[in-house]
Amino acid sequence: MSFMKTLFSALLRKAELWLPARQILIVEGDMLPAKIPRRTVVLMKDGDEDWSVGFRCPCGCSSMIELLLIKEATPHWNCIVDKNNRPSLHPSVWLKTGCESHFWLKNGRVYWA
């Protein structure tokens, strides 16, 4: 990773507590939209079933992350949305390729592992 990308990533991590919490956007269907607004987590639903969530990597690398929520998938995550429309994911998100970010998303905030 270049020096500027590393610096930008470090600044984003420090700014996380000062920026507004991520909000959830619910979309009907099983495909991610072509563009996802920054600091937004898109929840794809098919009827009453939560299918997956998608969002931009919080490190600033601009990678799109899609996590399956259906219990039959391995691995799969749980997404809980609080009364203020802020998402939490369990377990943590750990990217094995690319930027290799590892973080928790709790109440719309990223906590780096």
PDB file of N, CA and C in Angstrom:
ATOM      1  N   MET A   1       0.858  -1.169   0.000  1.00  0.00           N
ATOM      2  CA  MET A   1       0.000   0.000   0.000  1.00  0.00           C
ATOM      3  C   MET A   1       0.906   1.235   0.000  1.00  0.00           C
ATOM      4  N   SER A   2       0.550   2.247  -0.788  1.00  0.00           N
ATOM      5  CA  SER A   2       1.362   3.445  -0.867  1.00  0.00           C
ATOM      6  C   SER A   2       1.252   4.256   0.430  1.00  0.00           C
ATOM      7  N   PHE A   3       2.202   5.155   0.614  1.00  0.00           N
ATOM      8  CA  PHE A   3       2.221   5.985   1.817  1.00  0.00           C
ATOM      9  C   PHE A   3       0.939   6.799   1.951  1.00  0.00           C
ATOM     10  N   MET A   4       0.466   7.395   0.853  1.00  0.00           N
ATOM     11  CA  MET A   4      -0.728   8.235   0.906  1.00  0.00           C
ATOM     12  C   MET A   4      -1.971   7.411   1.265  1.00  0.00           C
ATOM     13  N   LYS A   5      -2.098   6.209   0.725  1.00  0.00           N
ATOM     14  CA  LYS A   5      -3.232   5.354   1.054  1.00  0.00           C
ATOM     15  C   LYS A   5      -3.177   4.938   2.525  1.00  0.00           C
ATOM     16  N   THR A   6      -1.979   4.633   3.010  1.00  0.00           N
ATOM     17  CA  THR A   6      -1.816   4.261   4.409  1.00  0.00           C
ATOM     18  C   THR A   6      -2.196   5.427   5.318  1.00  0.00           C
ATOM     19  N   LEU A   7      -1.753   6.618   4.977  1.00  0.00           N
ATOM     20  CA  LEU A   7      -2.079   7.813   5.757  1.00  0.00           C
ATOM     21  C   LEU A   7      -3.583   8.080   5.739  1.00  0.00           C
ATOM     22  N   PHE A   8      -4.202   7.985   4.561  1.00  0.00           N
ATOM     23  CA  PHE A   8      -5.643   8.197   4.436  1.00  0.00           C
ATOM     24  C   PHE A   8      -6.417   7.188   5.274  1.00  0.00           C
ATOM     25  N   SER A   9      -6.006   5.940   5.213  1.00  0.00           N
ATOM     26  CA  SER A   9      -6.659   4.882   5.993  1.00  0.00           C
ATOM     27  C   SER A   9      -6.539   5.162   7.492  1.00  0.00           C
ATOM     28  N   ALA A  10      -5.373   5.578   7.938  1.00  0.00           N
ATOM     29  CA  ALA A  10      -5.167   5.880   9.354  1.00  0.00           C
ATOM     30  C   ALA A  10      -6.042   7.056   9.794  1.00  0.00           C
ATOM     31  N   LEU A  11      -6.161   8.073   8.956  1.00  0.00           N
ATOM     32  CA  LEU A  11      -7.006   9.222   9.286  1.00  0.00           C
ATOM     33  C   LEU A  11      -8.481   8.827   9.357  1.00  0.00           C
ATOM     34  N   LEU A  12      -8.919   7.967   8.434  1.00  0.00           N
ATOM     35  CA  LEU A  12     -10.311   7.498   8.472  1.00  0.00           C
ATOM     36  C   LEU A  12     -10.597   6.727   9.757  1.00  0.00           C
ATOM     37  N   ARG A  13      -9.655   5.910  10.176  1.00  0.00           N
ATOM     38  CA  ARG A  13      -9.853   5.137  11.400  1.00  0.00           C
ATOM     39  C   ARG A  13      -9.992   6.047  12.613  1.00  0.00           C
ATOM     40  N   LYS A  14      -9.190   7.102  12.662  1.00  0.00           N
ATOM     41  CA  LYS A  14      -9.262   8.041  13.786  1.00  0.00           C
ATOM     42  C   LYS A  14     -10.530   8.878  13.740  1.00  0.00           C
ATOM     43  N   ALA A  15     -11.022   9.186  12.536  1.00  0.00           N
ATOM     44  CA  ALA A  15     -12.195  10.049  12.386  1.00  0.00           C
ATOM     45  C   ALA A  15     -13.500   9.313  12.646  1.00  0.00           C
ATOM     46  N   GLU A  16     -13.472   7.992  12.728  1.00  0.00           N
ATOM     47  CA  GLU A  16     -14.693   7.192  12.849  1.00  0.00           C
ATOM     48  C   GLU A  16     -15.586   7.653  14.003  1.00  0.00           C
ATOM     49  N   LEU A  17     -15.007   7.985  15.132  1.00  0.00           N
ATOM     50  CA  LEU A  17     -15.810   8.384  16.286  1.00  0.00           C
ATOM     51  C   LEU A  17     -16.463   9.751  16.119  1.00  0.00           C
ATOM     52  N   TRP A  18     -15.931  10.568  15.220  1.00  0.00           N
ATOM     53  CA  TRP A  18     -16.461  11.914  15.032  1.00  0.00           C
ATOM     54  C   TRP A  18     -17.473  11.989  13.899  1.00  0.00           C
ATOM     55  N   LEU A  19     -17.477  11.012  13.025  1.00  0.00           N
ATOM     56  CA  LEU A  19     -18.396  11.010  11.893  1.00  0.00           C
ATOM     57  C   LEU A  19     -19.749  10.439  12.321  1.00  0.00           C
ATOM     58  N   PRO A  20     -20.817  10.764  11.589  1.00  0.00           N
ATOM     59  CA  PRO A  20     -22.126  10.203  11.958  1.00  0.00           C
ATOM     60  C   PRO A  20     -22.132   8.681  11.801  1.00  0.00           C
ATOM     61  N   ALA A  21     -22.931   8.014  12.607  1.00  0.00           N
ATOM     62  CA  ALA A  21     -23.037   6.555  12.542  1.00  0.00           C
ATOM     63  C   ALA A  21     -23.614   6.135  11.196  1.00  0.00           C
ATOM     64  N   ARG A  22     -23.226   4.953  10.746  1.00  0.00           N
ATOM     65  CA  ARG A  22     -23.771   4.413   9.505  1.00  0.00           C
ATOM     66  C   ARG A  22     -25.252   4.100   9.689  1.00  0.00           C
ATOM     67  N   GLN A  23     -26.006   4.304   8.628  1.00  0.00           N
ATOM     68  CA  GLN A  23     -27.438   4.024   8.633  1.00  0.00           C
ATOM     69  C   GLN A  23     -27.721   2.857   7.697  1.00  0.00           C
ATOM     70  N   ILE A  24     -28.852   2.224   7.880  1.00  0.00           N
ATOM     71  CA  ILE A  24     -29.240   1.082   7.058  1.00  0.00           C
ATOM     72  C   ILE A  24     -30.202   1.564   5.973  1.00  0.00           C
ATOM     73  N   LEU A  25     -30.055   1.040   4.783  1.00  0.00           N
ATOM     74  CA  LEU A  25     -30.949   1.289   3.664  1.00  0.00           C
ATOM     75  C   LEU A  25     -31.474  -0.073   3.230  1.00  0.00           C
ATOM     76  N   ILE A  26     -32.782  -0.272   3.287  1.00  0.00           N
ATOM     77  CA  ILE A  26     -33.370  -1.572   2.952  1.00  0.00           C
ATOM     78  C   ILE A  26     -33.798  -1.569   1.494  1.00  0.00           C
ATOM     79  N   VAL A  27     -33.366  -2.612   0.764  1.00  0.00           N
ATOM     80  CA  VAL A  27     -33.647  -2.750  -0.656  1.00  0.00           C
ATOM     81  C   VAL A  27     -34.289  -4.108  -0.882  1.00  0.00           C
ATOM     82  N   GLU A  28     -35.344  -4.155  -1.660  1.00  0.00           N
ATOM     83  CA  GLU A  28     -36.004  -5.421  -1.999  1.00  0.00           C
ATOM     84  C   GLU A  28     -35.237  -6.078  -3.144  1.00  0.00           C
ATOM     85  N   GLY A  29     -34.879  -7.343  -2.978  1.00  0.00           N
ATOM     86  CA  GLY A  29     -34.151  -8.086  -4.003  1.00  0.00           C
ATOM     87  C   GLY A  29     -32.899  -8.714  -3.430  1.00  0.00           C
ATOM     88  N   ASP A  30     -32.154  -9.410  -4.292  1.00  0.00           N
ATOM     89  CA  ASP A  30     -30.962 -10.117  -3.826  1.00  0.00           C
ATOM     90  C   ASP A  30     -29.681  -9.635  -4.495  1.00  0.00           C
ATOM     91  N   MET A  31     -29.736  -8.461  -5.127  1.00  0.00           N
ATOM     92  CA  MET A  31     -28.557  -7.903  -5.787  1.00  0.00           C
ATOM     93  C   MET A  31     -28.222  -6.538  -5.187  1.00  0.00           C
ATOM     94  N   LEU A  32     -26.933  -6.308  -4.966  1.00  0.00           N
ATOM     95  CA  LEU A  32     -26.495  -5.001  -4.481  1.00  0.00           C
ATOM     96  C   LEU A  32     -26.734  -3.927  -5.535  1.00  0.00           C
ATOM     97  N   PRO A  33     -27.104  -2.727  -5.130  1.00  0.00           N
ATOM     98  CA  PRO A  33     -27.193  -1.629  -6.093  1.00  0.00           C
ATOM     99  C   PRO A  33     -25.804  -1.343  -6.685  1.00  0.00           C
ATOM    100  N   ALA A  34     -25.770  -0.770  -7.875  1.00  0.00           N
ATOM    101  CA  ALA A  34     -24.503  -0.457  -8.535  1.00  0.00           C
ATOM    102  C   ALA A  34     -23.675   0.526  -7.705  1.00  0.00           C
ATOM    103  N   LYS A  35     -24.340   1.482  -7.067  1.00  0.00           N
ATOM    104  CA  LYS A  35     -23.643   2.470  -6.238  1.00  0.00           C
ATOM    105  C   LYS A  35     -24.243   2.454  -4.841  1.00  0.00           C
ATOM    106  N   ILE A  36     -23.378   2.424  -3.856  1.00  0.00           N
ATOM    107  CA  ILE A  36     -23.814   2.483  -2.457  1.00  0.00           C
ATOM    108  C   ILE A  36     -23.227   3.754  -1.856  1.00  0.00           C
ATOM    109  N   PRO A  37     -24.071   4.609  -1.281  1.00  0.00           N
ATOM    110  CA  PRO A  37     -23.546   5.833  -0.672  1.00  0.00           C
ATOM    111  C   PRO A  37     -22.571   5.519   0.466  1.00  0.00           C
ATOM    112  N   ARG A  38     -21.598   6.383   0.646  1.00  0.00           N
ATOM    113  CA  ARG A  38     -20.643   6.211   1.742  1.00  0.00           C
ATOM    114  C   ARG A  38     -21.389   6.212   3.071  1.00  0.00           C
ATOM    115  N   ARG A  39     -20.882   5.435   4.011  1.00  0.00           N
ATOM    116  CA  ARG A  39     -21.409   5.349   5.368  1.00  0.00           C
ATOM    117  C   ARG A  39     -22.850   4.829   5.405  1.00  0.00           C
ATOM    118  N   THR A  40     -23.213   4.042   4.383  1.00  0.00           N
ATOM    119  CA  THR A  40     -24.527   3.422   4.321  1.00  0.00           C
ATOM    120  C   THR A  40     -24.353   1.918   4.202  1.00  0.00           C
ATOM    121  N   VAL A  41     -25.144   1.171   4.947  1.00  0.00           N
ATOM    122  CA  VAL A  41     -25.174  -0.286   4.850  1.00  0.00           C
ATOM    123  C   VAL A  41     -26.488  -0.647   4.177  1.00  0.00           C
ATOM    124  N   VAL A  42     -26.401  -1.356   3.062  1.00  0.00           N
ATOM    125  CA  VAL A  42     -27.588  -1.753   2.310  1.00  0.00           C
ATOM    126  C   VAL A  42     -27.985  -3.162   2.744  1.00  0.00           C
ATOM    127  N   LEU A  43     -29.232  -3.321   3.173  1.00  0.00           N
ATOM    128  CA  LEU A  43     -29.782  -4.613   3.555  1.00  0.00           C
ATOM    129  C   LEU A  43     -30.685  -5.086   2.424  1.00  0.00           C
ATOM    130  N   MET A  44     -30.331  -6.209   1.783  1.00  0.00           N
ATOM    131  CA  MET A  44     -31.143  -6.782   0.726  1.00  0.00           C
ATOM    132  C   MET A  44     -32.113  -7.776   1.350  1.00  0.00           C
ATOM    133  N   LYS A  45     -33.388  -7.611   1.011  1.00  0.00           N
ATOM    134  CA  LYS A  45     -34.447  -8.481   1.537  1.00  0.00           C
ATOM    135  C   LYS A  45     -35.166  -9.119   0.358  1.00  0.00           C
ATOM    136  N   ASP A  46     -35.634 -10.322   0.572  1.00  0.00           N
ATOM    137  CA  ASP A  46     -36.492 -10.993  -0.392  1.00  0.00           C
ATOM    138  C   ASP A  46     -37.739 -11.411   0.376  1.00  0.00           C
ATOM    139  N   GLY A  47     -38.799 -10.611   0.267  1.00  0.00           N
ATOM    140  CA  GLY A  47     -39.988 -10.837   1.078  1.00  0.00           C
ATOM    141  C   GLY A  47     -39.680 -10.517   2.532  1.00  0.00           C
ATOM    142  N   ASP A  48     -39.870 -11.492   3.410  1.00  0.00           N
ATOM    143  CA  ASP A  48     -39.577 -11.307   4.832  1.00  0.00           C
ATOM    144  C   ASP A  48     -38.173 -11.761   5.205  1.00  0.00           C
ATOM    145  N   GLU A  49     -37.437 -12.314   4.246  1.00  0.00           N
ATOM    146  CA  GLU A  49     -36.121 -12.882   4.540  1.00  0.00           C
ATOM    147  C   GLU A  49     -35.008 -11.884   4.250  1.00  0.00           C
ATOM    148  N   ASP A  50     -34.143 -11.662   5.241  1.00  0.00           N
ATOM    149  CA  ASP A  50     -32.941 -10.853   5.034  1.00  0.00           C
ATOM    150  C   ASP A  50     -31.946 -11.700   4.253  1.00  0.00           C
ATOM    151  N   TRP A  51     -31.465 -11.184   3.142  1.00  0.00           N
ATOM    152  CA  TRP A  51     -30.623 -11.947   2.238  1.00  0.00           C
ATOM    153  C   TRP A  51     -29.134 -11.658   2.465  1.00  0.00           C
ATOM    154  N   SER A  52     -28.763 -10.385   2.378  1.00  0.00           N
ATOM    155  CA  SER A  52     -27.357 -10.007   2.566  1.00  0.00           C
ATOM    156  C   SER A  52     -27.264  -8.523   2.887  1.00  0.00           C
ATOM    157  N   VAL A  53     -26.075  -8.101   3.301  1.00  0.00           N
ATOM    158  CA  VAL A  53     -25.777  -6.683   3.495  1.00  0.00           C
ATOM    159  C   VAL A  53     -24.579  -6.329   2.635  1.00  0.00           C
ATOM    160  N   GLY A  54     -24.545  -5.089   2.199  1.00  0.00           N
ATOM    161  CA  GLY A  54     -23.429  -4.610   1.399  1.00  0.00           C
ATOM    162  C   GLY A  54     -23.058  -3.200   1.814  1.00  0.00           C
ATOM    163  N   PHE A  55     -21.771  -2.893   1.739  1.00  0.00           N
ATOM    164  CA  PHE A  55     -21.289  -1.561   2.092  1.00  0.00           C
ATOM    165  C   PHE A  55     -19.868  -1.399   1.580  1.00  0.00           C
ATOM    166  N   ARG A  56     -19.401  -0.164   1.568  1.00  0.00           N
ATOM    167  CA  ARG A  56     -18.018   0.112   1.172  1.00  0.00           C
ATOM    168  C   ARG A  56     -17.096  -0.177   2.350  1.00  0.00           C
ATOM    169  N   CYS A  57     -15.921  -0.668   2.048  1.00  0.00           N
ATOM    170  CA  CYS A  57     -14.956  -0.955   3.108  1.00  0.00           C
ATOM    171  C   CYS A  57     -14.651   0.337   3.875  1.00  0.00           C
ATOM    172  N   PRO A  58     -14.709   0.290   5.197  1.00  0.00           N
ATOM    173  CA  PRO A  58     -14.497   1.505   5.986  1.00  0.00           C
ATOM    174  C   PRO A  58     -13.054   2.005   6.011  1.00  0.00           C
ATOM    175  N   CYS A  59     -12.102   1.221   5.497  1.00  0.00           N
ATOM    176  CA  CYS A  59     -10.707   1.667   5.524  1.00  0.00           C
ATOM    177  C   CYS A  59     -10.425   2.728   4.467  1.00  0.00           C
ATOM    178  N   GLY A  60     -11.346   2.887   3.500  1.00  0.00           N
ATOM    179  CA  GLY A  60     -11.158   3.889   2.459  1.00  0.00           C
ATOM    180  C   GLY A  60     -10.643   3.318   1.149  1.00  0.00           C
ATOM    181  N   CYS A  61     -10.477   2.013   1.068  1.00  0.00           N
ATOM    182  CA  CYS A  61      -9.959   1.403  -0.163  1.00  0.00           C
ATOM    183  C   CYS A  61     -11.019   1.329  -1.260  1.00  0.00           C
ATOM    184  N   SER A  62     -12.264   1.636  -0.952  1.00  0.00           N
ATOM    185  CA  SER A  62     -13.394   1.654  -1.884  1.00  0.00           C
ATOM    186  C   SER A  62     -13.877   0.278  -2.316  1.00  0.00           C
ATOM    187  N   SER A  63     -13.367  -0.796  -1.714  1.00  0.00           N
ATOM    188  CA  SER A  63     -13.866  -2.129  -2.035  1.00  0.00           C
ATOM    189  C   SER A  63     -15.301  -2.262  -1.555  1.00  0.00           C
ATOM    190  N   MET A  64     -16.094  -3.000  -2.310  1.00  0.00           N
ATOM    191  CA  MET A  64     -17.453  -3.300  -1.901  1.00  0.00           C
ATOM    192  C   MET A  64     -17.428  -4.609  -1.116  1.00  0.00           C
ATOM    193  N   ILE A  65     -18.097  -4.615   0.014  1.00  0.00           N
ATOM    194  CA  ILE A  65     -18.170  -5.811   0.854  1.00  0.00           C
ATOM    195  C   ILE A  65     -19.620  -6.284   0.844  1.00  0.00           C
ATOM    196  N   GLU A  66     -19.821  -7.554   0.555  1.00  0.00           N
ATOM    197  CA  GLU A  66     -21.148  -8.158   0.636  1.00  0.00           C
ATOM    198  C   GLU A  66     -21.066  -9.355   1.565  1.00  0.00           C
ATOM    199  N   LEU A  67     -21.936  -9.391   2.562  1.00  0.00           N
ATOM    200  CA  LEU A  67     -21.959 -10.459   3.554  1.00  0.00           C
ATOM    201  C   LEU A  67     -23.326 -11.138   3.531  1.00  0.00           C
ATOM    202  N   LEU A  68     -23.318 -12.446   3.444  1.00  0.00           N
ATOM    203  CA  LEU A  68     -24.562 -13.204   3.416  1.00  0.00           C
ATOM    204  C   LEU A  68     -25.161 -13.330   4.808  1.00  0.00           C
ATOM    205  N   LEU A  69     -26.474 -13.224   4.881  1.00  0.00           N
ATOM    206  CA  LEU A  69     -27.185 -13.330   6.150  1.00  0.00           C
ATOM    207  C   LEU A  69     -27.980 -14.624   6.260  1.00  0.00           C
ATOM    208  N   ILE A  70     -28.166 -15.331   5.155  1.00  0.00           N
ATOM    209  CA  ILE A  70     -28.985 -16.545   5.188  1.00  0.00           C
ATOM    210  C   ILE A  70     -28.254 -17.648   5.940  1.00  0.00           C
ATOM    211  N   LYS A  71     -28.980 -18.335   6.773  1.00  0.00           N
ATOM    212  CA  LYS A  71     -28.388 -19.331   7.676  1.00  0.00           C
ATOM    213  C   LYS A  71     -27.746 -20.504   6.930  1.00  0.00           C
ATOM    214  N   GLU A  72     -28.210 -20.788   5.716  1.00  0.00           N
ATOM    215  CA  GLU A  72     -27.667 -21.910   4.949  1.00  0.00           C
ATOM    216  C   GLU A  72     -26.272 -21.615   4.396  1.00  0.00           C
ATOM    217  N   ALA A  73     -25.885 -20.350   4.344  1.00  0.00           N
ATOM    218  CA  ALA A  73     -24.578 -19.970   3.786  1.00  0.00           C
ATOM    219  C   ALA A  73     -23.473 -20.149   4.825  1.00  0.00           C
ATOM    220  N   THR A  74     -22.285 -20.453   4.339  1.00  0.00           N
ATOM    221  CA  THR A  74     -21.113 -20.534   5.210  1.00  0.00           C
ATOM    222  C   THR A  74     -19.992 -19.737   4.576  1.00  0.00           C
ATOM    223  N   PRO A  75     -19.478 -18.718   5.206  1.00  0.00           N
ATOM    224  CA  PRO A  75     -19.916 -18.158   6.491  1.00  0.00           C
ATOM    225  C   PRO A  75     -21.159 -17.293   6.301  1.00  0.00           C
ATOM    226  N   HIS A  76     -21.813 -16.974   7.405  1.00  0.00           N
ATOM    227  CA  HIS A  76     -22.932 -16.036   7.372  1.00  0.00           C
ATOM    228  C   HIS A  76     -22.873 -15.138   8.607  1.00  0.00           C
ATOM    229  N   TRP A  77     -23.513 -13.990   8.489  1.00  0.00           N
ATOM    230  CA  TRP A  77     -23.520 -12.992   9.551  1.00  0.00           C
ATOM    231  C   TRP A  77     -24.939 -12.753  10.026  1.00  0.00           C
ATOM    232  N   ASN A  78     -25.062 -12.148  11.181  1.00  0.00           N
ATOM    233  CA  ASN A  78     -26.345 -11.674  11.700  1.00  0.00           C
ATOM    234  C   ASN A  78     -26.311 -10.151  11.655  1.00  0.00           C
ATOM    235  N   CYS A  79     -27.399  -9.557  11.221  1.00  0.00           N
ATOM    236  CA  CYS A  79     -27.505  -8.097  11.178  1.00  0.00           C
ATOM    237  C   CYS A  79     -28.670  -7.685  12.056  1.00  0.00           C
ATOM    238  N   ILE A  80     -28.391  -6.828  13.010  1.00  0.00           N
ATOM    239  CA  ILE A  80     -29.412  -6.295  13.910  1.00  0.00           C
ATOM    240  C   ILE A  80     -29.465  -4.788  13.679  1.00  0.00           C
ATOM    241  N   VAL A  81     -30.681  -4.256  13.551  1.00  0.00           N
ATOM    242  CA  VAL A  81     -30.876  -2.819  13.343  1.00  0.00           C
ATOM    243  C   VAL A  81     -31.570  -2.263  14.573  1.00  0.00           C
ATOM    244  N   ASP A  82     -30.952  -1.251  15.200  1.00  0.00           N
ATOM    245  CA  ASP A  82     -31.548  -0.681  16.409  1.00  0.00           C
ATOM    246  C   ASP A  82     -32.663   0.317  16.065  1.00  0.00           C
ATOM    247  N   LYS A  83     -33.289   0.877  17.075  1.00  0.00           N
ATOM    248  CA  LYS A  83     -34.427   1.786  16.868  1.00  0.00           C
ATOM    249  C   LYS A  83     -34.023   3.075  16.156  1.00  0.00           C
ATOM    250  N   ASN A  84     -32.726   3.383  16.150  1.00  0.00           N
ATOM    251  CA  ASN A  84     -32.232   4.577  15.460  1.00  0.00           C
ATOM    252  C   ASN A  84     -31.728   4.270  14.053  1.00  0.00           C
ATOM    253  N   ASN A  85     -32.072   3.083  13.531  1.00  0.00           N
ATOM    254  CA  ASN A  85     -31.723   2.677  12.170  1.00  0.00           C
ATOM    255  C   ASN A  85     -30.218   2.457  11.990  1.00  0.00           C
ATOM    256  N   ARG A  86     -29.526   2.063  13.064  1.00  0.00           N
ATOM    257  CA  ARG A  86     -28.090   1.816  13.013  1.00  0.00           C
ATOM    258  C   ARG A  86     -27.840   0.312  13.041  1.00  0.00           C
ATOM    259  N   PRO A  87     -27.042  -0.198  12.084  1.00  0.00           N
ATOM    260  CA  PRO A  87     -26.810  -1.642  11.993  1.00  0.00           C
ATOM    261  C   PRO A  87     -25.661  -2.132  12.866  1.00  0.00           C
ATOM    262  N   SER A  88     -25.780  -3.376  13.303  1.00  0.00           N
ATOM    263  CA  SER A  88     -24.697  -4.104  13.974  1.00  0.00           C
ATOM    264  C   SER A  88     -24.559  -5.447  13.270  1.00  0.00           C
ATOM    265  N   LEU A  89     -23.316  -5.901  13.099  1.00  0.00           N
ATOM    266  CA  LEU A  89     -23.045  -7.192  12.463  1.00  0.00           C
ATOM    267  C   LEU A  89     -22.307  -8.095  13.429  1.00  0.00           C
ATOM    268  N   HIS A  90     -22.637  -9.379  13.349  1.00  0.00           N
ATOM    269  CA  HIS A  90     -21.935 -10.376  14.156  1.00  0.00           C
ATOM    270  C   HIS A  90     -21.733 -11.613  13.292  1.00  0.00           C
ATOM    271  N   PRO A  91     -20.576 -12.197  13.220  1.00  0.00           N
ATOM    272  CA  PRO A  91     -19.324 -11.871  13.889  1.00  0.00           C
ATOM    273  C   PRO A  91     -18.611 -10.704  13.199  1.00  0.00           C
ATOM    274  N   SER A  92     -17.346 -10.511  13.538  1.00  0.00           N
ATOM    275  CA  SER A  92     -16.569  -9.431  12.942  1.00  0.00           C
ATOM    276  C   SER A  92     -16.382  -9.679  11.446  1.00  0.00           C
ATOM    277  N   VAL A  93     -15.980  -8.628  10.750  1.00  0.00           N
ATOM    278  CA  VAL A  93     -15.677  -8.714   9.322  1.00  0.00           C
ATOM    279  C   VAL A  93     -14.151  -8.719   9.188  1.00  0.00           C
ATOM    280  N   TRP A  94     -13.628  -9.751   8.541  1.00  0.00           N
ATOM    281  CA  TRP A  94     -12.183  -9.869   8.365  1.00  0.00           C
ATOM    282  C   TRP A  94     -11.928 -10.221   6.914  1.00  0.00           C
ATOM    283  N   LEU A  95     -11.429  -9.251   6.172  1.00  0.00           N
ATOM    284  CA  LEU A  95     -11.147  -9.461   4.756  1.00  0.00           C
ATOM    285  C   LEU A  95      -9.819 -10.189   4.620  1.00  0.00           C
ATOM    286  N   LYS A  96      -9.829 -11.303   3.934  1.00  0.00           N
ATOM    287  CA  LYS A  96      -8.619 -12.122   3.794  1.00  0.00           C
ATOM    288  C   LYS A  96      -7.769 -11.694   2.605  1.00  0.00           C
ATOM    289  N   THR A  97      -8.323 -10.863   1.711  1.00  0.00           N
ATOM    290  CA  THR A  97      -7.582 -10.371   0.548  1.00  0.00           C
ATOM    291  C   THR A  97      -7.700  -8.854   0.492  1.00  0.00           C
ATOM    292  N   GLY A  98      -6.976  -8.251  -0.421  1.00  0.00           N
ATOM    293  CA  GLY A  98      -7.034  -6.801  -0.590  1.00  0.00           C
ATOM    294  C   GLY A  98      -6.446  -6.074   0.599  1.00  0.00           C
ATOM    295  N   CYS A  99      -7.227  -5.184   1.206  1.00  0.00           N
ATOM    296  CA  CYS A  99      -6.742  -4.356   2.314  1.00  0.00           C
ATOM    297  C   CYS A  99      -6.607  -5.135   3.624  1.00  0.00           C
ATOM    298  N   GLU A 100      -7.214  -6.318   3.707  1.00  0.00           N
ATOM    299  CA  GLU A 100      -7.143  -7.192   4.887  1.00  0.00           C
ATOM    300  C   GLU A 100      -7.677  -6.529   6.156  1.00  0.00           C
ATOM    301  N   SER A 101      -8.669  -5.658   6.005  1.00  0.00           N
ATOM    302  CA  SER A 101      -9.280  -4.998   7.164  1.00  0.00           C
ATOM    303  C   SER A 101      -9.954  -6.018   8.070  1.00  0.00           C
ATOM    304  N   HIS A 102      -9.960  -5.723   9.362  1.00  0.00           N
ATOM    305  CA  HIS A 102     -10.636  -6.556  10.354  1.00  0.00           C
ATOM    306  C   HIS A 102     -11.317  -5.606  11.333  1.00  0.00           C
ATOM    307  N   PHE A 103     -12.647  -5.699  11.421  1.00  0.00           N
ATOM    308  CA  PHE A 103     -13.396  -4.746  12.236  1.00  0.00           C
ATOM    309  C   PHE A 103     -14.728  -5.335  12.674  1.00  0.00           C
ATOM    310  N   TRP A 104     -15.310  -4.689  13.680  1.00  0.00           N
ATOM    311  CA  TRP A 104     -16.671  -4.955  14.145  1.00  0.00           C
ATOM    312  C   TRP A 104     -17.524  -3.771  13.714  1.00  0.00           C
ATOM    313  N   LEU A 105     -18.781  -4.019  13.392  1.00  0.00           N
ATOM    314  CA  LEU A 105     -19.740  -2.954  13.142  1.00  0.00           C
ATOM    315  C   LEU A 105     -20.795  -3.054  14.239  1.00  0.00           C
ATOM    316  N   LYS A 106     -20.803  -2.060  15.134  1.00  0.00           N
ATOM    317  CA  LYS A 106     -21.742  -2.056  16.264  1.00  0.00           C
ATOM    318  C   LYS A 106     -22.440  -0.706  16.329  1.00  0.00           C
ATOM    319  N   ASN A 107     -23.761  -0.745  16.285  1.00  0.00           N
ATOM    320  CA  ASN A 107     -24.571   0.476  16.348  1.00  0.00           C
ATOM    321  C   ASN A 107     -24.117   1.513  15.335  1.00  0.00           C
ATOM    322  N   GLY A 108     -23.803   1.055  14.130  1.00  0.00           N
ATOM    323  CA  GLY A 108     -23.419   1.949  13.046  1.00  0.00           C
ATOM    324  C   GLY A 108     -21.986   2.449  13.100  1.00  0.00           C
ATOM    325  N   ARG A 109     -21.213   2.003  14.073  1.00  0.00           N
ATOM    326  CA  ARG A 109     -19.819   2.433  14.237  1.00  0.00           C
ATOM    327  C   ARG A 109     -18.863   1.282  13.960  1.00  0.00           C
ATOM    328  N   VAL A 110     -17.730   1.624  13.373  1.00  0.00           N
ATOM    329  CA  VAL A 110     -16.690   0.634  13.107  1.00  0.00           C
ATOM    330  C   VAL A 110     -15.696   0.641  14.256  1.00  0.00           C
ATOM    331  N   TYR A 111     -15.403  -0.552  14.763  1.00  0.00           N
ATOM    332  CA  TYR A 111     -14.382  -0.743  15.804  1.00  0.00           C
ATOM    333  C   TYR A 111     -13.337  -1.670  15.216  1.00  0.00           C
ATOM    334  N   TRP A 112     -12.130  -1.164  15.068  1.00  0.00           N
ATOM    335  CA  TRP A 112     -11.054  -1.932  14.433  1.00  0.00           C
ATOM    336  C   TRP A 112     -10.497  -2.981  15.375  1.00  0.00           C
ATOM    337  N   ALA A 113     -10.257  -4.153  14.828  1.00  0.00           N
ATOM    338  CA  ALA A 113      -9.718  -5.255  15.613  1.00  0.00           C
ATOM    339  C   ALA A 113      -8.207  -5.199  15.641  1.00  0.00           C
TER     340      ALA A 113
END
